[in-house]
Amino acid sequence: MVGIINIIGEIGVDVTLASVASQVERQREAKSWLINISSEGGSVSVGLDIYNYLNKLKGFKKTVGRSIVASMGTILFLVGDEREVLDNTQFFIHLPMLNMGGVRTANDLMIDAVQLKEIENNLISIYKNTLSLDEEVLFILLKNETFLKPAELYAFGFTTKEDSLKISAKINFNNSKKTKMKKTLLERVRALIGAKMLLLKTATEQDLVFPDLADGEEPTIGAIATLDGATAEGEVTLADGKVFVFENGALVEIKEADEADNSELEEKVEELTAIVTELVTAIEDVQAKLNIKAKIDNIGGSGSPDAKKRDRQGDEKKTGLSGAINKLKNDKK
């Protein structure tokens, strides 16, 4: 009988030692174990308790990574005698981090640092005992917070069967391609060992790493890079405004900061010009309507020639009438 253990969710919250042990207790007749892991990680202490428990569990163990295997989840993944991941599984490793809450004194920070270093050494020891990686390379991968691809997982020893890569319909290596892939991975490892890799910060505080360049070198077209451990792809804006364009990890175009800024500025100018043009047109329409209204108001008004003529005729009539009245008054006298 094959027992099934599911480690799904955050370790220490969704997954605890009690929840794992209860699954085992319900399957006491099991002679071997299938351990499904889909976890973004979580509590180191709880994770180590679960790791030690599973490590002592009798019977052959197979771990299968599903969806995401990250942080402490990668430690639990290594408990398997046989290990593989399903297609599109995100596999992510990094050094342990301390979530500090409240106010801390310098002495508190020193104590925390010592404890964190002990935890770090403990986890690295677990990785070393299982993987085929040199400790220095392993530390660099953990420090750089690295996403690992299926081929890398097998080359580094995280997965145990190369056949497991066939789960992905996108991967079908022949012998020559296998040799080429292994060579590429070894070259990448050698580059990582050279601790003078070029590290640049992006505008969003991500790490853009050029493993084949030394610190201080200027990236040129064709340079290979990773962005936060994953293959660099598309436009990446640096902190200084310069824009790098990548295709499958290779640098294919460099846009200087001024060019990028001018492009944005030109777009703003075009937008403002269009708005101003609309306003000018609207003002002209309003002015034309006002001119027409003024002409209409003046037709037959006091300022027109016909109106002035009518006013003079009226005055003359008034003058003639007044003269006749005065004449009658004089005649009566």
C-alpha atoms as a PDB file:
ATOM      1  CA  MET A   1       0.000   0.000   0.000  1.00  0.00           C
ATOM      2  CA  VAL A   2       1.229   3.484  -0.922  1.00  0.00           C
ATOM      3  CA  GLY A   3       0.404   6.177   1.607  1.00  0.00           C
ATOM      4  CA  ILE A   4      -0.265   9.723   0.447  1.00  0.00           C
ATOM      5  CA  ILE A   5       0.859  12.809   2.359  1.00  0.00           C
ATOM      6  CA  ASN A   6      -0.228  16.231   1.139  1.00  0.00           C
ATOM      7  CA  ILE A   7       1.788  19.307   2.104  1.00  0.00           C
ATOM      8  CA  ILE A   8      -0.323  22.093   0.631  1.00  0.00           C
ATOM      9  CA  GLY A   9      -0.110  25.758   1.651  1.00  0.00           C
ATOM     10  CA  GLU A  10       1.945  27.819   4.080  1.00  0.00           C
ATOM     11  CA  ILE A  11       4.131  25.866   6.477  1.00  0.00           C
ATOM     12  CA  GLY A  12       3.255  26.700  10.062  1.00  0.00           C
ATOM     13  CA  VAL A  13      -0.223  27.907   9.068  1.00  0.00           C
ATOM     14  CA  ASP A  14      -1.849  25.478   6.628  1.00  0.00           C
ATOM     15  CA  VAL A  15       0.714  22.735   7.251  1.00  0.00           C
ATOM     16  CA  THR A  16       1.898  21.720  10.726  1.00  0.00           C
ATOM     17  CA  LEU A  17       3.683  18.732  12.228  1.00  0.00           C
ATOM     18  CA  ALA A  18       0.349  17.617  13.699  1.00  0.00           C
ATOM     19  CA  SER A  19      -1.442  17.769  10.323  1.00  0.00           C
ATOM     20  CA  VAL A  20       1.301  15.728   8.646  1.00  0.00           C
ATOM     21  CA  ALA A  21       1.514  13.171  11.475  1.00  0.00           C
ATOM     22  CA  SER A  22      -2.277  12.706  11.444  1.00  0.00           C
ATOM     23  CA  GLN A  23      -2.146  11.817   7.733  1.00  0.00           C
ATOM     24  CA  VAL A  24       0.493   9.194   8.476  1.00  0.00           C
ATOM     25  CA  GLU A  25      -1.478   7.751  11.388  1.00  0.00           C
ATOM     26  CA  ARG A  26      -4.528   7.240   9.170  1.00  0.00           C
ATOM     27  CA  GLN A  27      -2.428   5.097   6.809  1.00  0.00           C
ATOM     28  CA  ARG A  28      -0.489   2.813   9.139  1.00  0.00           C
ATOM     29  CA  GLU A  29      -0.502  -0.047   6.633  1.00  0.00           C
ATOM     30  CA  ALA A  30       1.467   2.000   4.092  1.00  0.00           C
ATOM     31  CA  LYS A  31       4.819   0.515   3.036  1.00  0.00           C
ATOM     32  CA  SER A  32       5.872   3.482   0.883  1.00  0.00           C
ATOM     33  CA  TRP A  33       4.861   7.112   0.600  1.00  0.00           C
ATOM     34  CA  LEU A  34       3.906   9.620  -2.077  1.00  0.00           C
ATOM     35  CA  ILE A  35       4.399  13.145  -0.712  1.00  0.00           C
ATOM     36  CA  ASN A  36       2.752  15.935  -2.711  1.00  0.00           C
ATOM     37  CA  ILE A  37       4.212  19.383  -2.080  1.00  0.00           C
ATOM     38  CA  SER A  38       2.689  22.701  -3.158  1.00  0.00           C
ATOM     39  CA  SER A  39       3.957  25.354  -0.777  1.00  0.00           C
ATOM     40  CA  GLU A  40       5.448  28.825  -0.862  1.00  0.00           C
ATOM     41  CA  GLY A  41       7.325  28.008   2.362  1.00  0.00           C
ATOM     42  CA  GLY A  42       6.778  29.458   5.799  1.00  0.00           C
ATOM     43  CA  SER A  43       8.041  28.807   9.326  1.00  0.00           C
ATOM     44  CA  VAL A  44      11.584  27.415   9.420  1.00  0.00           C
ATOM     45  CA  SER A  45      11.163  25.784  12.833  1.00  0.00           C
ATOM     46  CA  VAL A  46       7.923  24.036  11.877  1.00  0.00           C
ATOM     47  CA  GLY A  47       9.421  23.046   8.539  1.00  0.00           C
ATOM     48  CA  LEU A  48      12.457  21.475  10.205  1.00  0.00           C
ATOM     49  CA  ASP A  49      10.214  19.538  12.581  1.00  0.00           C
ATOM     50  CA  ILE A  50       8.277  18.153   9.615  1.00  0.00           C
ATOM     51  CA  TYR A  51      11.502  17.407   7.709  1.00  0.00           C
ATOM     52  CA  ASN A  52      12.959  15.427  10.623  1.00  0.00           C
ATOM     53  CA  TYR A  53       9.678  13.549  11.105  1.00  0.00           C
ATOM     54  CA  LEU A  54       9.410  12.587   7.433  1.00  0.00           C
ATOM     55  CA  ASN A  55      13.103  11.772   7.242  1.00  0.00           C
ATOM     56  CA  LYS A  56      12.662   9.147   9.990  1.00  0.00           C
ATOM     57  CA  LEU A  57       9.470   7.775   8.428  1.00  0.00           C
ATOM     58  CA  LYS A  58      10.023   4.151   7.382  1.00  0.00           C
ATOM     59  CA  GLY A  59       9.447   3.128   3.807  1.00  0.00           C
ATOM     60  CA  PHE A  60      10.406   4.416   0.368  1.00  0.00           C
ATOM     61  CA  LYS A  61       9.429   8.057  -0.135  1.00  0.00           C
ATOM     62  CA  LYS A  62       8.716   9.907  -3.357  1.00  0.00           C
ATOM     63  CA  THR A  63       8.171  13.679  -3.371  1.00  0.00           C
ATOM     64  CA  VAL A  64       6.338  15.437  -6.201  1.00  0.00           C
ATOM     65  CA  GLY A  65       6.444  19.207  -6.602  1.00  0.00           C
ATOM     66  CA  ARG A  66       3.186  20.705  -7.797  1.00  0.00           C
ATOM     67  CA  SER A  67       2.462  24.321  -8.775  1.00  0.00           C
ATOM     68  CA  ILE A  68       5.020  25.918  -6.423  1.00  0.00           C
ATOM     69  CA  VAL A  69       7.862  24.624  -4.284  1.00  0.00           C
ATOM     70  CA  ALA A  70       9.602  27.530  -2.572  1.00  0.00           C
ATOM     71  CA  SER A  71      11.703  28.420   0.451  1.00  0.00           C
ATOM     72  CA  MET A  72      11.094  25.885   3.250  1.00  0.00           C
ATOM     73  CA  GLY A  73       9.058  23.805   0.811  1.00  0.00           C
ATOM     74  CA  THR A  74      12.282  22.967  -1.066  1.00  0.00           C
ATOM     75  CA  ILE A  75      13.754  21.492   2.141  1.00  0.00           C
ATOM     76  CA  LEU A  76      10.742  19.217   2.563  1.00  0.00           C
ATOM     77  CA  PHE A  77      11.019  18.281  -1.115  1.00  0.00           C
ATOM     78  CA  LEU A  78      14.494  16.847  -0.450  1.00  0.00           C
ATOM     79  CA  VAL A  79      13.140  14.254   1.992  1.00  0.00           C
ATOM     80  CA  GLY A  80      12.170  12.073  -0.977  1.00  0.00           C
ATOM     81  CA  ASP A  81      14.269   9.117  -2.089  1.00  0.00           C
ATOM     82  CA  GLU A  82      12.854   9.894  -5.513  1.00  0.00           C
ATOM     83  CA  ARG A  83      11.996  13.469  -6.466  1.00  0.00           C
ATOM     84  CA  GLU A  84      10.295  15.097  -9.451  1.00  0.00           C
ATOM     85  CA  VAL A  85       8.242  18.158 -10.354  1.00  0.00           C
ATOM     86  CA  LEU A  86       5.230  18.511 -12.585  1.00  0.00           C
ATOM     87  CA  ASP A  87       5.091  20.789 -15.576  1.00  0.00           C
ATOM     88  CA  ASN A  88       5.069  24.557 -14.853  1.00  0.00           C
ATOM     89  CA  THR A  89       6.071  24.098 -11.208  1.00  0.00           C
ATOM     90  CA  GLN A  90       7.867  27.164  -9.831  1.00  0.00           C
ATOM     91  CA  PHE A  91      10.912  26.092  -7.826  1.00  0.00           C
ATOM     92  CA  PHE A  92      12.448  28.916  -5.772  1.00  0.00           C
ATOM     93  CA  ILE A  93      15.336  28.894  -3.276  1.00  0.00           C
ATOM     94  CA  HIS A  94      16.737  31.651  -1.046  1.00  0.00           C
ATOM     95  CA  LEU A  95      18.486  32.232   2.262  1.00  0.00           C
ATOM     96  CA  PRO A  96      16.326  32.253   5.427  1.00  0.00           C
ATOM     97  CA  MET A  97      14.974  35.662   6.420  1.00  0.00           C
ATOM     98  CA  LEU A  98      14.005  37.116   9.775  1.00  0.00           C
ATOM     99  CA  ASN A  99      10.655  38.853  10.132  1.00  0.00           C
ATOM    100  CA  MET A 100      11.360  41.313  12.942  1.00  0.00           C
ATOM    101  CA  GLY A 101       8.403  42.834  14.719  1.00  0.00           C
ATOM    102  CA  GLY A 102       8.480  45.706  17.187  1.00  0.00           C
ATOM    103  CA  VAL A 103      11.414  47.764  18.378  1.00  0.00           C
ATOM    104  CA  ARG A 104      14.824  46.041  18.467  1.00  0.00           C
ATOM    105  CA  THR A 105      17.990  47.088  20.271  1.00  0.00           C
ATOM    106  CA  ALA A 106      21.491  46.623  18.869  1.00  0.00           C
ATOM    107  CA  ASN A 107      21.994  43.706  21.244  1.00  0.00           C
ATOM    108  CA  ASP A 108      18.726  42.126  20.066  1.00  0.00           C
ATOM    109  CA  LEU A 109      19.843  42.432  16.457  1.00  0.00           C
ATOM    110  CA  MET A 110      23.188  40.791  17.243  1.00  0.00           C
ATOM    111  CA  ILE A 111      21.453  37.864  18.912  1.00  0.00           C
ATOM    112  CA  ASP A 112      19.006  37.572  16.017  1.00  0.00           C
ATOM    113  CA  ALA A 113      21.882  37.614  13.533  1.00  0.00           C
ATOM    114  CA  VAL A 114      23.671  34.773  15.348  1.00  0.00           C
ATOM    115  CA  GLN A 115      20.499  32.679  15.479  1.00  0.00           C
ATOM    116  CA  LEU A 116      19.700  33.404  11.836  1.00  0.00           C
ATOM    117  CA  LYS A 117      23.213  32.335  10.815  1.00  0.00           C
ATOM    118  CA  GLU A 118      22.785  29.064  12.705  1.00  0.00           C
ATOM    119  CA  ILE A 119      19.506  28.424  10.876  1.00  0.00           C
ATOM    120  CA  GLU A 120      21.184  29.299   7.582  1.00  0.00           C
ATOM    121  CA  ASN A 121      24.021  26.842   8.222  1.00  0.00           C
ATOM    122  CA  ASN A 122      21.520  24.149   9.181  1.00  0.00           C
ATOM    123  CA  LEU A 123      19.541  24.545   5.978  1.00  0.00           C
ATOM    124  CA  ILE A 124      22.667  24.696   3.811  1.00  0.00           C
ATOM    125  CA  SER A 125      23.818  21.460   5.468  1.00  0.00           C
ATOM    126  CA  ILE A 126      20.558  19.763   4.429  1.00  0.00           C
ATOM    127  CA  TYR A 127      20.977  21.024   0.870  1.00  0.00           C
ATOM    128  CA  LYS A 128      24.624  19.874   0.762  1.00  0.00           C
ATOM    129  CA  ASN A 129      23.820  16.357   1.981  1.00  0.00           C
ATOM    130  CA  THR A 130      21.418  15.831  -0.907  1.00  0.00           C
ATOM    131  CA  LEU A 131      22.559  18.011  -3.794  1.00  0.00           C
ATOM    132  CA  SER A 132      25.541  17.732  -6.125  1.00  0.00           C
ATOM    133  CA  LEU A 133      26.405  21.421  -5.737  1.00  0.00           C
ATOM    134  CA  ASP A 134      29.555  22.954  -4.330  1.00  0.00           C
ATOM    135  CA  GLU A 135      28.782  24.877  -1.132  1.00  0.00           C
ATOM    136  CA  GLU A 136      30.024  28.172  -2.579  1.00  0.00           C
ATOM    137  CA  VAL A 137      27.810  27.830  -5.640  1.00  0.00           C
ATOM    138  CA  LEU A 138      24.874  26.798  -3.478  1.00  0.00           C
ATOM    139  CA  PHE A 139      25.320  29.872  -1.281  1.00  0.00           C
ATOM    140  CA  ILE A 140      25.370  32.169  -4.320  1.00  0.00           C
ATOM    141  CA  LEU A 141      22.188  30.599  -5.693  1.00  0.00           C
ATOM    142  CA  LEU A 142      20.473  31.005  -2.323  1.00  0.00           C
ATOM    143  CA  LYS A 143      21.746  34.551  -1.908  1.00  0.00           C
ATOM    144  CA  ASN A 144      20.499  35.556  -5.361  1.00  0.00           C
ATOM    145  CA  GLU A 145      17.008  34.173  -4.618  1.00  0.00           C
ATOM    146  CA  THR A 146      16.948  31.873  -7.648  1.00  0.00           C
ATOM    147  CA  PHE A 147      14.144  30.306  -9.648  1.00  0.00           C
ATOM    148  CA  LEU A 148      15.392  26.969 -11.017  1.00  0.00           C
ATOM    149  CA  LYS A 149      14.307  25.449 -14.308  1.00  0.00           C
ATOM    150  CA  PRO A 150      13.572  21.707 -14.698  1.00  0.00           C
ATOM    151  CA  ALA A 151      16.915  21.016 -16.397  1.00  0.00           C
ATOM    152  CA  GLU A 152      18.752  22.848 -13.626  1.00  0.00           C
ATOM    153  CA  LEU A 153      16.853  20.957 -10.951  1.00  0.00           C
ATOM    154  CA  TYR A 154      18.131  17.681 -12.362  1.00  0.00           C
ATOM    155  CA  ALA A 155      21.682  18.947 -12.975  1.00  0.00           C
ATOM    156  CA  PHE A 156      21.977  20.284  -9.433  1.00  0.00           C
ATOM    157  CA  GLY A 157      20.423  17.187  -7.815  1.00  0.00           C
ATOM    158  CA  PHE A 158      17.069  18.519  -6.651  1.00  0.00           C
ATOM    159  CA  THR A 159      15.242  16.015  -8.862  1.00  0.00           C
ATOM    160  CA  THR A 160      16.474  12.431  -9.212  1.00  0.00           C
ATOM    161  CA  LYS A 161      15.228  11.343 -12.624  1.00  0.00           C
ATOM    162  CA  GLU A 162      15.944  13.027 -15.921  1.00  0.00           C
ATOM    163  CA  ASP A 163      12.870  11.251 -17.260  1.00  0.00           C
ATOM    164  CA  SER A 164      10.730  13.439 -15.031  1.00  0.00           C
ATOM    165  CA  LEU A 165      11.389  16.311 -17.454  1.00  0.00           C
ATOM    166  CA  LYS A 166       9.264  14.486 -20.020  1.00  0.00           C
ATOM    167  CA  ILE A 167       6.232  15.564 -17.991  1.00  0.00           C
ATOM    168  CA  SER A 168       6.614  18.848 -19.844  1.00  0.00           C
ATOM    169  CA  ALA A 169       5.541  18.603 -23.488  1.00  0.00           C
ATOM    170  CA  LYS A 170       7.955  21.455 -24.261  1.00  0.00           C
ATOM    171  CA  ILE A 171      11.080  19.465 -23.330  1.00  0.00           C
ATOM    172  CA  ASN A 172      12.274  16.564 -25.448  1.00  0.00           C
ATOM    173  CA  PHE A 173      16.071  16.400 -25.455  1.00  0.00           C
ATOM    174  CA  ASN A 174      18.100  14.127 -27.709  1.00  0.00           C
ATOM    175  CA  ASN A 175      21.596  13.116 -26.625  1.00  0.00           C
ATOM    176  CA  SER A 176      23.334  16.076 -28.260  1.00  0.00           C
ATOM    177  CA  LYS A 177      20.933  18.554 -26.683  1.00  0.00           C
ATOM    178  CA  LYS A 178      21.427  16.942 -23.280  1.00  0.00           C
ATOM    179  CA  THR A 179      25.183  17.387 -23.587  1.00  0.00           C
ATOM    180  CA  LYS A 180      24.752  20.990 -24.678  1.00  0.00           C
ATOM    181  CA  MET A 181      22.375  21.747 -21.793  1.00  0.00           C
ATOM    182  CA  LYS A 182      24.741  20.208 -19.235  1.00  0.00           C
ATOM    183  CA  LYS A 183      27.626  22.208 -20.644  1.00  0.00           C
ATOM    184  CA  THR A 184      25.595  25.403 -20.423  1.00  0.00           C
ATOM    185  CA  LEU A 185      24.736  24.688 -16.792  1.00  0.00           C
ATOM    186  CA  LEU A 186      28.351  23.988 -15.918  1.00  0.00           C
ATOM    187  CA  GLU A 187      29.406  27.230 -17.572  1.00  0.00           C
ATOM    188  CA  ARG A 188      26.744  29.053 -15.600  1.00  0.00           C
ATOM    189  CA  VAL A 189      27.998  27.499 -12.369  1.00  0.00           C
ATOM    190  CA  ARG A 190      31.568  28.510 -13.140  1.00  0.00           C
ATOM    191  CA  ALA A 191      30.368  32.039 -13.801  1.00  0.00           C
ATOM    192  CA  LEU A 192      28.514  32.099 -10.492  1.00  0.00           C
ATOM    193  CA  ILE A 193      31.602  30.962  -8.636  1.00  0.00           C
ATOM    194  CA  GLY A 194      33.430  34.034  -9.886  1.00  0.00           C
ATOM    195  CA  ALA A 195      32.038  36.299  -7.181  1.00  0.00           C
ATOM    196  CA  LYS A 196      32.624  39.424  -9.300  1.00  0.00           C
ATOM    197  CA  MET A 197      29.407  39.081 -11.273  1.00  0.00           C
ATOM    198  CA  LEU A 198      27.785  42.345 -12.354  1.00  0.00           C
ATOM    199  CA  LEU A 199      24.722  43.225 -10.286  1.00  0.00           C
ATOM    200  CA  LEU A 200      22.520  46.171 -11.279  1.00  0.00           C
ATOM    201  CA  LYS A 201      19.386  47.494  -9.588  1.00  0.00           C
ATOM    202  CA  THR A 202      16.253  48.166 -11.602  1.00  0.00           C
ATOM    203  CA  ALA A 203      13.858  51.058 -11.095  1.00  0.00           C
ATOM    204  CA  THR A 204      11.644  48.671  -9.121  1.00  0.00           C
ATOM    205  CA  GLU A 205      14.505  47.455  -6.857  1.00  0.00           C
ATOM    206  CA  GLN A 206      14.908  44.099  -8.639  1.00  0.00           C
ATOM    207  CA  ASP A 207      18.303  42.431  -9.117  1.00  0.00           C
ATOM    208  CA  LEU A 208      19.543  42.328 -12.707  1.00  0.00           C
ATOM    209  CA  VAL A 209      22.519  39.949 -12.724  1.00  0.00           C
ATOM    210  CA  PHE A 210      25.075  39.526 -15.540  1.00  0.00           C
ATOM    211  CA  PRO A 211      26.952  36.370 -14.428  1.00  0.00           C
ATOM    212  CA  ASP A 212      29.575  36.616 -17.205  1.00  0.00           C
ATOM    213  CA  LEU A 213      30.523  40.245 -16.475  1.00  0.00           C
ATOM    214  CA  ALA A 214      32.741  41.544 -13.707  1.00  0.00           C
ATOM    215  CA  ASP A 215      31.633  44.295 -11.352  1.00  0.00           C
ATOM    216  CA  GLY A 216      32.082  47.649 -13.087  1.00  0.00           C
ATOM    217  CA  GLU A 217      31.886  46.350 -16.662  1.00  0.00           C
ATOM    218  CA  GLU A 218      29.376  47.864 -19.073  1.00  0.00           C
ATOM    219  CA  PRO A 219      26.838  45.384 -20.516  1.00  0.00           C
ATOM    220  CA  THR A 220      26.940  45.100 -24.298  1.00  0.00           C
ATOM    221  CA  ILE A 221      24.630  43.559 -26.882  1.00  0.00           C
ATOM    222  CA  GLY A 222      24.548  39.796 -26.435  1.00  0.00           C
ATOM    223  CA  ALA A 223      25.260  39.810 -22.695  1.00  0.00           C
ATOM    224  CA  ILE A 224      23.242  37.225 -20.747  1.00  0.00           C
ATOM    225  CA  ALA A 225      21.310  38.261 -17.627  1.00  0.00           C
ATOM    226  CA  THR A 226      18.782  37.090 -15.071  1.00  0.00           C
ATOM    227  CA  LEU A 227      16.137  39.216 -13.374  1.00  0.00           C
ATOM    228  CA  ASP A 228      15.518  38.184  -9.763  1.00  0.00           C
ATOM    229  CA  GLY A 229      16.785  34.705 -10.613  1.00  0.00           C
ATOM    230  CA  ALA A 230      14.615  34.242 -13.713  1.00  0.00           C
ATOM    231  CA  THR A 231      15.602  34.667 -17.358  1.00  0.00           C
ATOM    232  CA  ALA A 232      15.530  38.369 -18.263  1.00  0.00           C
ATOM    233  CA  GLU A 233      12.843  39.132 -20.827  1.00  0.00           C
ATOM    234  CA  GLY A 234      11.444  42.306 -22.438  1.00  0.00           C
ATOM    235  CA  GLU A 235      12.213  45.875 -21.380  1.00  0.00           C
ATOM    236  CA  VAL A 236      13.973  46.385 -18.052  1.00  0.00           C
ATOM    237  CA  THR A 237      14.360  49.944 -16.732  1.00  0.00           C
ATOM    238  CA  LEU A 238      17.374  50.564 -14.506  1.00  0.00           C
ATOM    239  CA  ALA A 239      17.496  52.892 -11.519  1.00  0.00           C
ATOM    240  CA  ASP A 240      19.332  55.520 -13.631  1.00  0.00           C
ATOM    241  CA  GLY A 241      16.628  55.492 -16.296  1.00  0.00           C
ATOM    242  CA  LYS A 242      18.539  53.428 -18.865  1.00  0.00           C
ATOM    243  CA  VAL A 243      16.441  50.736 -20.548  1.00  0.00           C
ATOM    244  CA  PHE A 244      17.732  47.262 -21.473  1.00  0.00           C
ATOM    245  CA  VAL A 245      15.741  45.086 -23.876  1.00  0.00           C
ATOM    246  CA  PHE A 246      16.137  41.300 -23.531  1.00  0.00           C
ATOM    247  CA  GLU A 247      15.101  38.286 -25.587  1.00  0.00           C
ATOM    248  CA  ASN A 248      15.463  34.884 -23.916  1.00  0.00           C
ATOM    249  CA  GLY A 249      17.962  36.343 -21.447  1.00  0.00           C
ATOM    250  CA  ALA A 250      20.173  37.996 -24.081  1.00  0.00           C
ATOM    251  CA  LEU A 251      20.580  41.785 -24.262  1.00  0.00           C
ATOM    252  CA  VAL A 252      19.417  42.912 -27.729  1.00  0.00           C
ATOM    253  CA  GLU A 253      19.010  46.684 -27.322  1.00  0.00           C
ATOM    254  CA  ILE A 254      20.179  49.489 -25.032  1.00  0.00           C
ATOM    255  CA  LYS A 255      18.187  52.711 -24.719  1.00  0.00           C
ATOM    256  CA  GLU A 256      19.926  55.565 -22.994  1.00  0.00           C
ATOM    257  CA  ALA A 257      18.072  57.419 -20.252  1.00  0.00           C
ATOM    258  CA  ASP A 258      17.772  60.621 -22.340  1.00  0.00           C
ATOM    259  CA  GLU A 259      16.174  58.716 -25.205  1.00  0.00           C
ATOM    260  CA  ALA A 260      13.668  57.091 -22.892  1.00  0.00           C
ATOM    261  CA  ASP A 261      12.857  60.423 -21.226  1.00  0.00           C
ATOM    262  CA  ASN A 262      12.528  62.246 -24.574  1.00  0.00           C
ATOM    263  CA  SER A 263      10.165  59.618 -25.840  1.00  0.00           C
ATOM    264  CA  GLU A 264       7.878  60.084 -22.851  1.00  0.00           C
ATOM    265  CA  LEU A 265       8.194  63.868 -23.123  1.00  0.00           C
ATOM    266  CA  GLU A 266       7.275  63.800 -26.808  1.00  0.00           C
ATOM    267  CA  GLU A 267       4.151  61.822 -26.005  1.00  0.00           C
ATOM    268  CA  LYS A 268       3.159  64.398 -23.363  1.00  0.00           C
ATOM    269  CA  VAL A 269       3.800  67.270 -25.811  1.00  0.00           C
ATOM    270  CA  GLU A 270       1.610  65.600 -28.427  1.00  0.00           C
ATOM    271  CA  GLU A 271      -1.178  65.143 -25.887  1.00  0.00           C
ATOM    272  CA  LEU A 272      -0.971  68.783 -24.737  1.00  0.00           C
ATOM    273  CA  THR A 273      -0.817  70.039 -28.342  1.00  0.00           C
ATOM    274  CA  ALA A 274      -4.001  68.147 -29.181  1.00  0.00           C
ATOM    275  CA  ILE A 275      -5.743  69.636 -26.126  1.00  0.00           C
ATOM    276  CA  VAL A 276      -4.628  73.177 -27.005  1.00  0.00           C
ATOM    277  CA  THR A 277      -5.808  72.713 -30.615  1.00  0.00           C
ATOM    278  CA  GLU A 278      -9.243  71.653 -29.376  1.00  0.00           C
ATOM    279  CA  LEU A 279      -9.406  74.691 -27.067  1.00  0.00           C
ATOM    280  CA  VAL A 280      -8.412  77.102 -29.854  1.00  0.00           C
ATOM    281  CA  THR A 281     -11.071  75.632 -32.154  1.00  0.00           C
ATOM    282  CA  ALA A 282     -13.713  75.951 -29.424  1.00  0.00           C
ATOM    283  CA  ILE A 283     -12.741  79.578 -28.749  1.00  0.00           C
ATOM    284  CA  GLU A 284     -12.948  80.415 -32.445  1.00  0.00           C
ATOM    285  CA  ASP A 285     -16.408  78.854 -32.638  1.00  0.00           C
ATOM    286  CA  VAL A 286     -17.594  80.901 -29.658  1.00  0.00           C
ATOM    287  CA  GLN A 287     -16.096  84.115 -31.135  1.00  0.00           C
ATOM    288  CA  ALA A 288     -17.819  83.495 -34.468  1.00  0.00           C
ATOM    289  CA  LYS A 289     -21.170  83.029 -32.720  1.00  0.00           C
ATOM    290  CA  LEU A 290     -20.668  86.253 -30.747  1.00  0.00           C
ATOM    291  CA  ASN A 291     -19.915  88.201 -33.962  1.00  0.00           C
ATOM    292  CA  ILE A 292     -23.073  86.910 -35.603  1.00  0.00           C
ATOM    293  CA  LYS A 293     -25.143  87.883 -32.552  1.00  0.00           C
ATOM    294  CA  ALA A 294     -23.676  91.400 -32.572  1.00  0.00           C
ATOM    295  CA  LYS A 295     -24.639  91.867 -36.203  1.00  0.00           C
ATOM    296  CA  ILE A 296     -28.179  90.699 -35.496  1.00  0.00           C
ATOM    297  CA  ASP A 297     -28.487  93.105 -32.553  1.00  0.00           C
ATOM    298  CA  ASN A 298     -27.322  96.069 -34.682  1.00  0.00           C
ATOM    299  CA  ILE A 299     -29.909  95.504 -37.398  1.00  0.00           C
ATOM    300  CA  GLY A 300     -32.671  98.087 -36.647  1.00  0.00           C
ATOM    301  CA  GLY A 301     -30.920  99.264 -33.509  1.00  0.00           C
ATOM    302  CA  SER A 302     -30.002 102.826 -32.480  1.00  0.00           C
ATOM    303  CA  GLY A 303     -26.615 102.609 -34.135  1.00  0.00           C
ATOM    304  CA  SER A 304     -27.785 101.738 -37.680  1.00  0.00           C
ATOM    305  CA  PRO A 305     -28.186 104.418 -40.469  1.00  0.00           C
ATOM    306  CA  ASP A 306     -31.910 103.682 -40.833  1.00  0.00           C
ATOM    307  CA  ALA A 307     -32.386 104.206 -37.139  1.00  0.00           C
ATOM    308  CA  LYS A 308     -30.590 107.567 -37.224  1.00  0.00           C
ATOM    309  CA  LYS A 309     -32.763 108.673 -40.174  1.00  0.00           C
ATOM    310  CA  ARG A 310     -35.915 107.705 -38.297  1.00  0.00           C
ATOM    311  CA  ASP A 311     -34.704 109.639 -35.252  1.00  0.00           C
ATOM    312  CA  ARG A 312     -34.145 112.820 -37.351  1.00  0.00           C
ATOM    313  CA  GLN A 313     -37.587 112.545 -38.921  1.00  0.00           C
ATOM    314  CA  GLY A 314     -39.145 112.186 -35.514  1.00  0.00           C
ATOM    315  CA  ASP A 315     -37.306 115.232 -34.245  1.00  0.00           C
ATOM    316  CA  GLU A 316     -38.471 117.241 -37.253  1.00  0.00           C
ATOM    317  CA  LYS A 317     -42.058 116.198 -36.648  1.00  0.00           C
ATOM    318  CA  LYS A 318     -41.771 117.153 -33.015  1.00  0.00           C
ATOM    319  CA  THR A 319     -40.296 120.563 -33.980  1.00  0.00           C
ATOM    320  CA  GLY A 320     -43.090 121.287 -36.529  1.00  0.00           C
ATOM    321  CA  LEU A 321     -45.821 120.374 -34.065  1.00  0.00           C
ATOM    322  CA  SER A 322     -44.356 122.583 -31.363  1.00  0.00           C
ATOM    323  CA  GLY A 323     -44.202 125.538 -33.828  1.00  0.00           C
ATOM    324  CA  ALA A 324     -47.832 125.134 -34.818  1.00  0.00           C
ATOM    325  CA  ILE A 325     -48.954 125.073 -31.191  1.00  0.00           C
ATOM    326  CA  ASN A 326     -46.975 128.213 -30.431  1.00  0.00           C
ATOM    327  CA  LYS A 327     -48.463 129.948 -33.477  1.00  0.00           C
ATOM    328  CA  LEU A 328     -52.013 129.131 -32.318  1.00  0.00           C
ATOM    329  CA  LYS A 329     -51.209 130.513 -28.876  1.00  0.00           C
ATOM    330  CA  ASN A 330     -49.948 133.763 -30.378  1.00  0.00           C
ATOM    331  CA  ASP A 331     -53.001 134.119 -32.599  1.00  0.00           C
ATOM    332  CA  LYS A 332     -55.285 133.814 -29.561  1.00  0.00           C
ATOM    333  CA  LYS A 333     -53.453 136.623 -27.911  1.00  0.00           C
END
